[in-house]
Amino acid sequence: MKIIGLNQDIIWKNKNENFQLIENQLQNQEADLFLLPEMFSTGFCMDAAEVSDKNEESLAFLKKISKEKNAAFSGSASIKVDNQFFNRMYFVKPNSEVTFYDKRHLFSFSGEDKIYTPGKERAIVEHLGIRFLLQVCYDLRFPVFARNNDDYDAILYVANWPEKRVGAWEHLLKARAIENLSYVFGLNRIGTDGNDLFYKESSHCFFADGKEISQKNGNLVSAELNLEELKDFRNHFQFLNDRDCFEIK
């Protein structure tokens, strides 16, 4: 399976311009799955009452472009449901089938926990035979929630992770791959947001042994996921059999 992630310089609070930017930069690209950053339509914004989707605008865009390119799309957006706001990660297939995950670990350092409602459940979606665990940015710091119970093959992390803390982002992505015997694809944004935070190019895909397998071309980062190679590695190194047993409540 081929995945392409867009290192998107998100235009602050402007959904239509971000939608156009994404279409333009992916126009001539082909993949089985395209990955977009956290809050790809607005930037990581705490003005949820202003920017959140009230009518599933971001989801409608993902359905449209997924159908046009005959590929799955995944990324997160700020949405409003009833009187609550969620940082919701979508996984949309070309047939418009939708799986979503609401970010569980809200970034208290920025006040996200005061505005958004945390999710409660993990979300795993299968596409072309590969099982993906959906995760958003700050979730990366909490390995218990991402623990592989032999129920997924790859983790997708979408993020707005600033340069000043990017070392943690890169080390933890590799750690999640090694400890869970899985692929890990972490997609970060680039550029400067409306809070003057700078984001350097730092998207990566790691194999289960911690080896970087991604390739970069301009604002695009791509990787090939080989399920048989992963199965062979897991059969040889059966470390998951020795994992601790616990439940998350």
C-alpha atoms as a PDB file:
ATOM      1  CA  MET A   1       0.000   0.000   0.000  1.00  0.00           C
ATOM      2  CA  LYS A   2       1.242   3.460  -0.879  1.00  0.00           C
ATOM      3  CA  ILE A   3       0.602   6.350   1.506  1.00  0.00           C
ATOM      4  CA  ILE A   4       1.255   9.999   0.673  1.00  0.00           C
ATOM      5  CA  GLY A   5       1.177  12.655   3.377  1.00  0.00           C
ATOM      6  CA  LEU A   6       0.950  16.361   2.642  1.00  0.00           C
ATOM      7  CA  ASN A   7       3.287  18.577   4.670  1.00  0.00           C
ATOM      8  CA  GLN A   8       0.656  21.282   4.550  1.00  0.00           C
ATOM      9  CA  ASP A   9       1.329  24.938   5.326  1.00  0.00           C
ATOM     10  CA  ILE A  10      -2.181  25.376   6.706  1.00  0.00           C
ATOM     11  CA  ILE A  11      -3.818  28.716   5.929  1.00  0.00           C
ATOM     12  CA  TRP A  12      -5.108  30.097   9.224  1.00  0.00           C
ATOM     13  CA  LYS A  13      -8.887  29.865   9.630  1.00  0.00           C
ATOM     14  CA  ASN A  14      -9.617  29.615   5.914  1.00  0.00           C
ATOM     15  CA  LYS A  15     -11.295  26.373   4.935  1.00  0.00           C
ATOM     16  CA  ASN A  16     -11.903  27.084   1.267  1.00  0.00           C
ATOM     17  CA  GLU A  17      -8.305  28.138   0.645  1.00  0.00           C
ATOM     18  CA  ASN A  18      -7.011  25.046   2.453  1.00  0.00           C
ATOM     19  CA  PHE A  19      -9.281  22.808   0.403  1.00  0.00           C
ATOM     20  CA  GLN A  20      -7.979  24.405  -2.792  1.00  0.00           C
ATOM     21  CA  LEU A  21      -4.363  24.136  -1.616  1.00  0.00           C
ATOM     22  CA  ILE A  22      -4.783  20.418  -0.927  1.00  0.00           C
ATOM     23  CA  GLU A  23      -6.370  19.771  -4.314  1.00  0.00           C
ATOM     24  CA  ASN A  24      -3.614  21.679  -6.102  1.00  0.00           C
ATOM     25  CA  GLN A  25      -0.726  19.965  -4.312  1.00  0.00           C
ATOM     26  CA  LEU A  26      -2.173  16.467  -4.738  1.00  0.00           C
ATOM     27  CA  GLN A  27      -3.443  17.008  -8.273  1.00  0.00           C
ATOM     28  CA  ASN A  28      -1.005  14.690 -10.046  1.00  0.00           C
ATOM     29  CA  GLN A  29      -0.358  12.278  -7.191  1.00  0.00           C
ATOM     30  CA  GLU A  30      -1.550   8.692  -6.915  1.00  0.00           C
ATOM     31  CA  ALA A  31      -1.724   6.644  -3.709  1.00  0.00           C
ATOM     32  CA  ASP A  32      -3.964   4.247  -1.833  1.00  0.00           C
ATOM     33  CA  LEU A  33      -4.183   6.595   1.152  1.00  0.00           C
ATOM     34  CA  PHE A  34      -3.583  10.332   1.490  1.00  0.00           C
ATOM     35  CA  LEU A  35      -2.861  11.795   4.924  1.00  0.00           C
ATOM     36  CA  LEU A  36      -3.544  15.403   5.960  1.00  0.00           C
ATOM     37  CA  PRO A  37      -2.433  17.169   9.176  1.00  0.00           C
ATOM     38  CA  GLU A  38      -4.340  17.859  12.370  1.00  0.00           C
ATOM     39  CA  MET A  39      -7.082  20.466  11.808  1.00  0.00           C
ATOM     40  CA  PHE A  40      -6.089  20.606   8.134  1.00  0.00           C
ATOM     41  CA  SER A  41      -8.912  22.993   7.241  1.00  0.00           C
ATOM     42  CA  THR A  42      -8.243  25.728   9.840  1.00  0.00           C
ATOM     43  CA  GLY A  43      -4.979  25.164  11.702  1.00  0.00           C
ATOM     44  CA  PHE A  44      -4.787  24.109  15.363  1.00  0.00           C
ATOM     45  CA  CYS A  45      -7.146  26.808  16.577  1.00  0.00           C
ATOM     46  CA  MET A  46      -8.777  27.312  19.972  1.00  0.00           C
ATOM     47  CA  ASP A  47     -11.419  29.669  18.538  1.00  0.00           C
ATOM     48  CA  ALA A  48     -13.709  26.686  18.118  1.00  0.00           C
ATOM     49  CA  ALA A  49     -16.937  28.671  18.134  1.00  0.00           C
ATOM     50  CA  GLU A  50     -15.641  30.572  15.107  1.00  0.00           C
ATOM     51  CA  VAL A  51     -13.883  27.909  13.041  1.00  0.00           C
ATOM     52  CA  SER A  52     -15.496  24.566  13.840  1.00  0.00           C
ATOM     53  CA  ASP A  53     -17.499  22.736  11.199  1.00  0.00           C
ATOM     54  CA  LYS A  54     -21.203  23.167  11.846  1.00  0.00           C
ATOM     55  CA  ASN A  55     -22.273  21.355   8.675  1.00  0.00           C
ATOM     56  CA  GLU A  56     -19.464  18.802   8.195  1.00  0.00           C
ATOM     57  CA  GLU A  57     -17.664  20.992   5.650  1.00  0.00           C
ATOM     58  CA  SER A  58     -14.318  19.234   6.096  1.00  0.00           C
ATOM     59  CA  LEU A  59     -15.891  15.800   5.901  1.00  0.00           C
ATOM     60  CA  ALA A  60     -17.734  16.761   2.716  1.00  0.00           C
ATOM     61  CA  PHE A  61     -14.430  17.852   1.180  1.00  0.00           C
ATOM     62  CA  LEU A  62     -12.761  14.566   2.154  1.00  0.00           C
ATOM     63  CA  LYS A  63     -15.604  12.561   0.618  1.00  0.00           C
ATOM     64  CA  LYS A  64     -15.379  14.589  -2.573  1.00  0.00           C
ATOM     65  CA  ILE A  65     -11.624  14.323  -3.076  1.00  0.00           C
ATOM     66  CA  SER A  66     -11.566  10.678  -1.966  1.00  0.00           C
ATOM     67  CA  LYS A  67     -14.073   9.793  -4.664  1.00  0.00           C
ATOM     68  CA  GLU A  68     -12.259  11.872  -7.300  1.00  0.00           C
ATOM     69  CA  LYS A  69      -8.887  10.265  -6.617  1.00  0.00           C
ATOM     70  CA  ASN A  70     -10.284   6.796  -5.824  1.00  0.00           C
ATOM     71  CA  ALA A  71      -8.205   6.733  -2.642  1.00  0.00           C
ATOM     72  CA  ALA A  72      -8.766   6.936   1.101  1.00  0.00           C
ATOM     73  CA  PHE A  73      -8.177  10.242   2.891  1.00  0.00           C
ATOM     74  CA  SER A  74      -7.509  10.882   6.567  1.00  0.00           C
ATOM     75  CA  GLY A  75      -6.979  14.020   8.663  1.00  0.00           C
ATOM     76  CA  SER A  76      -8.565  15.854  11.567  1.00  0.00           C
ATOM     77  CA  ALA A  77     -10.857  18.873  11.795  1.00  0.00           C
ATOM     78  CA  SER A  78     -12.531  21.029  14.425  1.00  0.00           C
ATOM     79  CA  ILE A  79     -16.217  20.139  14.542  1.00  0.00           C
ATOM     80  CA  LYS A  80     -19.276  21.050  16.572  1.00  0.00           C
ATOM     81  CA  VAL A  81     -21.813  18.411  17.572  1.00  0.00           C
ATOM     82  CA  ASP A  82     -24.798  19.744  19.498  1.00  0.00           C
ATOM     83  CA  ASN A  83     -23.098  22.038  22.037  1.00  0.00           C
ATOM     84  CA  GLN A  84     -19.725  20.306  22.134  1.00  0.00           C
ATOM     85  CA  PHE A  85     -16.549  20.716  20.091  1.00  0.00           C
ATOM     86  CA  PHE A  86     -14.339  17.805  19.023  1.00  0.00           C
ATOM     87  CA  ASN A  87     -10.947  17.470  17.372  1.00  0.00           C
ATOM     88  CA  ARG A  88     -12.142  14.712  15.060  1.00  0.00           C
ATOM     89  CA  MET A  89      -9.936  12.565  12.844  1.00  0.00           C
ATOM     90  CA  TYR A  90     -11.705  11.169   9.806  1.00  0.00           C
ATOM     91  CA  PHE A  91     -10.800   8.177   7.660  1.00  0.00           C
ATOM     92  CA  VAL A  92     -12.809   8.332   4.443  1.00  0.00           C
ATOM     93  CA  LYS A  93     -12.827   5.608   1.797  1.00  0.00           C
ATOM     94  CA  PRO A  94     -13.616   6.191  -1.908  1.00  0.00           C
ATOM     95  CA  ASN A  95     -17.093   4.702  -1.433  1.00  0.00           C
ATOM     96  CA  SER A  96     -17.753   7.446   1.198  1.00  0.00           C
ATOM     97  CA  GLU A  97     -17.533   5.007   4.109  1.00  0.00           C
ATOM     98  CA  VAL A  98     -16.424   7.045   7.144  1.00  0.00           C
ATOM     99  CA  THR A  99     -14.641   6.055  10.342  1.00  0.00           C
ATOM    100  CA  PHE A 100     -13.831   8.745  12.874  1.00  0.00           C
ATOM    101  CA  TYR A 101     -11.826   9.118  16.048  1.00  0.00           C
ATOM    102  CA  ASP A 102     -12.183  11.975  18.546  1.00  0.00           C
ATOM    103  CA  LYS A 103      -8.854  13.018  20.044  1.00  0.00           C
ATOM    104  CA  ARG A 104      -8.642  11.616  23.558  1.00  0.00           C
ATOM    105  CA  HIS A 105      -5.615  13.457  24.956  1.00  0.00           C
ATOM    106  CA  LEU A 106      -6.327  17.164  24.682  1.00  0.00           C
ATOM    107  CA  PHE A 107      -3.347  19.514  24.829  1.00  0.00           C
ATOM    108  CA  SER A 108      -3.857  21.236  28.193  1.00  0.00           C
ATOM    109  CA  PHE A 109      -0.733  23.375  27.659  1.00  0.00           C
ATOM    110  CA  SER A 110      -2.659  25.311  24.987  1.00  0.00           C
ATOM    111  CA  GLY A 111      -6.046  25.121  26.723  1.00  0.00           C
ATOM    112  CA  GLU A 112      -7.479  22.595  24.267  1.00  0.00           C
ATOM    113  CA  ASP A 113      -8.986  20.685  27.185  1.00  0.00           C
ATOM    114  CA  LYS A 114     -11.007  23.751  28.192  1.00  0.00           C
ATOM    115  CA  ILE A 115     -12.660  24.036  24.779  1.00  0.00           C
ATOM    116  CA  TYR A 116     -12.835  20.603  23.197  1.00  0.00           C
ATOM    117  CA  THR A 117     -14.413  17.411  24.507  1.00  0.00           C
ATOM    118  CA  PRO A 118     -12.138  14.367  24.719  1.00  0.00           C
ATOM    119  CA  GLY A 119     -12.940  11.169  22.892  1.00  0.00           C
ATOM    120  CA  LYS A 120     -13.401   7.949  24.821  1.00  0.00           C
ATOM    121  CA  GLU A 121     -12.792   5.126  22.367  1.00  0.00           C
ATOM    122  CA  ARG A 122      -9.931   4.000  20.149  1.00  0.00           C
ATOM    123  CA  ALA A 123     -10.710   3.697  16.458  1.00  0.00           C
ATOM    124  CA  ILE A 124      -9.226   1.088  14.148  1.00  0.00           C
ATOM    125  CA  VAL A 125     -10.145   0.951  10.469  1.00  0.00           C
ATOM    126  CA  GLU A 126      -9.149  -1.597   7.829  1.00  0.00           C
ATOM    127  CA  HIS A 127      -8.259  -0.498   4.326  1.00  0.00           C
ATOM    128  CA  LEU A 128      -6.940  -2.812   1.612  1.00  0.00           C
ATOM    129  CA  GLY A 129      -6.124  -5.454   4.218  1.00  0.00           C
ATOM    130  CA  ILE A 130      -4.146  -3.183   6.574  1.00  0.00           C
ATOM    131  CA  ARG A 131      -5.556  -2.214   9.978  1.00  0.00           C
ATOM    132  CA  PHE A 132      -4.926   1.390  11.018  1.00  0.00           C
ATOM    133  CA  LEU A 133      -5.095   2.874  14.514  1.00  0.00           C
ATOM    134  CA  LEU A 134      -6.126   6.534  14.312  1.00  0.00           C
ATOM    135  CA  GLN A 135      -4.321   8.995  16.622  1.00  0.00           C
ATOM    136  CA  VAL A 136      -3.969  12.785  16.877  1.00  0.00           C
ATOM    137  CA  CYS A 137      -0.871  14.759  17.885  1.00  0.00           C
ATOM    138  CA  TYR A 138      -0.692  14.872  21.729  1.00  0.00           C
ATOM    139  CA  ASP A 139      -1.904  11.244  21.865  1.00  0.00           C
ATOM    140  CA  LEU A 140       1.654  10.366  20.884  1.00  0.00           C
ATOM    141  CA  ARG A 141       2.909  11.084  24.419  1.00  0.00           C
ATOM    142  CA  PHE A 142       0.674   8.390  25.945  1.00  0.00           C
ATOM    143  CA  PRO A 143       1.849   4.903  24.937  1.00  0.00           C
ATOM    144  CA  VAL A 144      -0.702   2.988  27.015  1.00  0.00           C
ATOM    145  CA  PHE A 145      -3.566   4.253  24.847  1.00  0.00           C
ATOM    146  CA  ALA A 146      -1.754   3.192  21.673  1.00  0.00           C
ATOM    147  CA  ARG A 147      -0.689  -0.239  22.956  1.00  0.00           C
ATOM    148  CA  ASN A 148      -0.979  -2.875  20.265  1.00  0.00           C
ATOM    149  CA  ASN A 149      -3.273  -5.673  21.394  1.00  0.00           C
ATOM    150  CA  ASP A 150      -2.514  -7.482  18.144  1.00  0.00           C
ATOM    151  CA  ASP A 151      -5.428  -5.568  16.623  1.00  0.00           C
ATOM    152  CA  TYR A 152      -3.669  -3.190  14.203  1.00  0.00           C
ATOM    153  CA  ASP A 153      -0.789  -3.081  11.730  1.00  0.00           C
ATOM    154  CA  ALA A 154      -0.060   0.645  11.505  1.00  0.00           C
ATOM    155  CA  ILE A 155      -0.614   3.822  13.494  1.00  0.00           C
ATOM    156  CA  LEU A 156      -1.493   7.089  11.789  1.00  0.00           C
ATOM    157  CA  TYR A 157      -0.585  10.240  13.729  1.00  0.00           C
ATOM    158  CA  VAL A 158      -1.688  13.618  12.354  1.00  0.00           C
ATOM    159  CA  ALA A 159      -0.281  16.657  14.108  1.00  0.00           C
ATOM    160  CA  ASN A 160       0.478  20.335  14.586  1.00  0.00           C
ATOM    161  CA  TRP A 161       3.713  19.780  16.549  1.00  0.00           C
ATOM    162  CA  PRO A 162       5.891  22.944  16.787  1.00  0.00           C
ATOM    163  CA  GLU A 163       9.589  23.009  16.005  1.00  0.00           C
ATOM    164  CA  LYS A 164      10.551  23.831  19.605  1.00  0.00           C
ATOM    165  CA  ARG A 165       9.379  20.366  20.704  1.00  0.00           C
ATOM    166  CA  VAL A 166       9.966  18.454  17.482  1.00  0.00           C
ATOM    167  CA  GLY A 167      12.700  16.265  18.980  1.00  0.00           C
ATOM    168  CA  ALA A 168      10.112  14.609  21.227  1.00  0.00           C
ATOM    169  CA  TRP A 169       7.802  14.079  18.246  1.00  0.00           C
ATOM    170  CA  GLU A 170      10.446  12.303  16.194  1.00  0.00           C
ATOM    171  CA  HIS A 171      11.760  10.100  19.022  1.00  0.00           C
ATOM    172  CA  LEU A 172       8.290   9.083  20.180  1.00  0.00           C
ATOM    173  CA  LEU A 173       7.149   8.146  16.670  1.00  0.00           C
ATOM    174  CA  LYS A 174      10.037   5.721  16.396  1.00  0.00           C
ATOM    175  CA  ALA A 175       9.374   4.370  19.906  1.00  0.00           C
ATOM    176  CA  ARG A 176       5.699   3.687  19.104  1.00  0.00           C
ATOM    177  CA  ALA A 177       6.764   1.674  16.044  1.00  0.00           C
ATOM    178  CA  ILE A 178       9.322  -0.414  17.940  1.00  0.00           C
ATOM    179  CA  GLU A 179       7.249  -1.155  21.039  1.00  0.00           C
ATOM    180  CA  ASN A 180       4.108  -2.034  19.071  1.00  0.00           C
ATOM    181  CA  LEU A 181       5.768  -3.959  16.224  1.00  0.00           C
ATOM    182  CA  SER A 182       3.873  -1.795  13.754  1.00  0.00           C
ATOM    183  CA  TYR A 183       4.278   0.742  11.015  1.00  0.00           C
ATOM    184  CA  VAL A 184       3.963   4.313  12.267  1.00  0.00           C
ATOM    185  CA  PHE A 185       3.248   7.197   9.898  1.00  0.00           C
ATOM    186  CA  GLY A 186       3.429  10.594  11.587  1.00  0.00           C
ATOM    187  CA  LEU A 187       2.348  13.592   9.533  1.00  0.00           C
ATOM    188  CA  ASN A 188       3.086  17.087  10.812  1.00  0.00           C
ATOM    189  CA  ARG A 189       2.183  20.451   9.297  1.00  0.00           C
ATOM    190  CA  ILE A 190       4.751  23.026   8.173  1.00  0.00           C
ATOM    191  CA  GLY A 191       4.939  26.821   8.179  1.00  0.00           C
ATOM    192  CA  THR A 192       3.778  29.356  10.760  1.00  0.00           C
ATOM    193  CA  ASP A 193       0.315  29.380  12.345  1.00  0.00           C
ATOM    194  CA  GLY A 194      -1.862  32.231  13.582  1.00  0.00           C
ATOM    195  CA  ASN A 195      -0.160  32.081  16.986  1.00  0.00           C
ATOM    196  CA  ASP A 196       3.290  32.624  15.421  1.00  0.00           C
ATOM    197  CA  LEU A 197       4.365  29.053  16.158  1.00  0.00           C
ATOM    198  CA  PHE A 198       6.765  27.625  13.573  1.00  0.00           C
ATOM    199  CA  TYR A 199       6.551  24.076  12.262  1.00  0.00           C
ATOM    200  CA  LYS A 200       9.491  22.506  10.462  1.00  0.00           C
ATOM    201  CA  GLU A 201       9.233  19.605   8.066  1.00  0.00           C
ATOM    202  CA  SER A 202       9.252  16.570  10.359  1.00  0.00           C
ATOM    203  CA  SER A 203       6.954  13.912   8.915  1.00  0.00           C
ATOM    204  CA  HIS A 204       8.183  10.317   9.064  1.00  0.00           C
ATOM    205  CA  CYS A 205       7.191   6.728   8.511  1.00  0.00           C
ATOM    206  CA  PHE A 206       8.930   3.990  10.497  1.00  0.00           C
ATOM    207  CA  PHE A 207       8.921   0.216  10.159  1.00  0.00           C
ATOM    208  CA  ALA A 208       8.449  -2.014  13.203  1.00  0.00           C
ATOM    209  CA  ASP A 209      12.208  -2.141  13.856  1.00  0.00           C
ATOM    210  CA  GLY A 210      12.468   1.666  13.960  1.00  0.00           C
ATOM    211  CA  LYS A 211      13.891   2.010  10.453  1.00  0.00           C
ATOM    212  CA  GLU A 212      12.790   5.092   8.524  1.00  0.00           C
ATOM    213  CA  ILE A 213      11.060   4.055   5.292  1.00  0.00           C
ATOM    214  CA  SER A 214       9.576   7.326   4.078  1.00  0.00           C
ATOM    215  CA  GLN A 215      10.688   9.280   1.028  1.00  0.00           C
ATOM    216  CA  LYS A 216      10.293  13.021   0.607  1.00  0.00           C
ATOM    217  CA  ASN A 217       9.638  15.101  -2.477  1.00  0.00           C
ATOM    218  CA  GLY A 218       8.861  18.756  -1.928  1.00  0.00           C
ATOM    219  CA  ASN A 219       5.874  19.022   0.403  1.00  0.00           C
ATOM    220  CA  LEU A 220       5.027  15.349   0.024  1.00  0.00           C
ATOM    221  CA  VAL A 221       6.178  12.423   2.149  1.00  0.00           C
ATOM    222  CA  SER A 222       5.419   8.889   0.996  1.00  0.00           C
ATOM    223  CA  ALA A 223       5.891   5.320   2.157  1.00  0.00           C
ATOM    224  CA  GLU A 224       5.079   1.808   0.986  1.00  0.00           C
ATOM    225  CA  LEU A 225       3.531  -0.501   3.582  1.00  0.00           C
ATOM    226  CA  ASN A 226       4.104  -4.207   3.018  1.00  0.00           C
ATOM    227  CA  LEU A 227       1.858  -6.358   5.186  1.00  0.00           C
ATOM    228  CA  GLU A 228       3.680  -9.603   4.425  1.00  0.00           C
ATOM    229  CA  GLU A 229       7.000  -8.084   5.461  1.00  0.00           C
ATOM    230  CA  LEU A 230       5.426  -6.939   8.720  1.00  0.00           C
ATOM    231  CA  LYS A 231       3.933 -10.387   9.367  1.00  0.00           C
ATOM    232  CA  ASP A 232       7.307 -12.046   8.798  1.00  0.00           C
ATOM    233  CA  PHE A 233       8.949  -9.634  11.223  1.00  0.00           C
ATOM    234  CA  ARG A 234       6.285 -10.260  13.870  1.00  0.00           C
ATOM    235  CA  ASN A 235       6.513 -14.018  13.434  1.00  0.00           C
ATOM    236  CA  HIS A 236      10.255 -13.883  13.979  1.00  0.00           C
ATOM    237  CA  PHE A 237      10.186 -11.414  16.879  1.00  0.00           C
ATOM    238  CA  GLN A 238       7.080 -12.353  18.856  1.00  0.00           C
ATOM    239  CA  PHE A 239       7.506  -9.578  21.431  1.00  0.00           C
ATOM    240  CA  LEU A 240       3.796  -8.749  21.548  1.00  0.00           C
ATOM    241  CA  ASN A 241       3.158 -12.132  23.170  1.00  0.00           C
ATOM    242  CA  ASP A 242       5.000 -10.881  26.264  1.00  0.00           C
ATOM    243  CA  ARG A 243       3.072  -7.631  26.630  1.00  0.00           C
ATOM    244  CA  ASP A 244       1.411  -6.649  29.885  1.00  0.00           C
ATOM    245  CA  CYS A 245      -2.330  -7.122  30.104  1.00  0.00           C
ATOM    246  CA  PHE A 246      -4.495  -4.188  31.196  1.00  0.00           C
ATOM    247  CA  GLU A 247      -7.680  -2.332  30.393  1.00  0.00           C
ATOM    248  CA  ILE A 248      -8.129   1.389  29.743  1.00  0.00           C
ATOM    249  CA  LYS A 249     -11.090   2.999  31.472  1.00  0.00           C
END
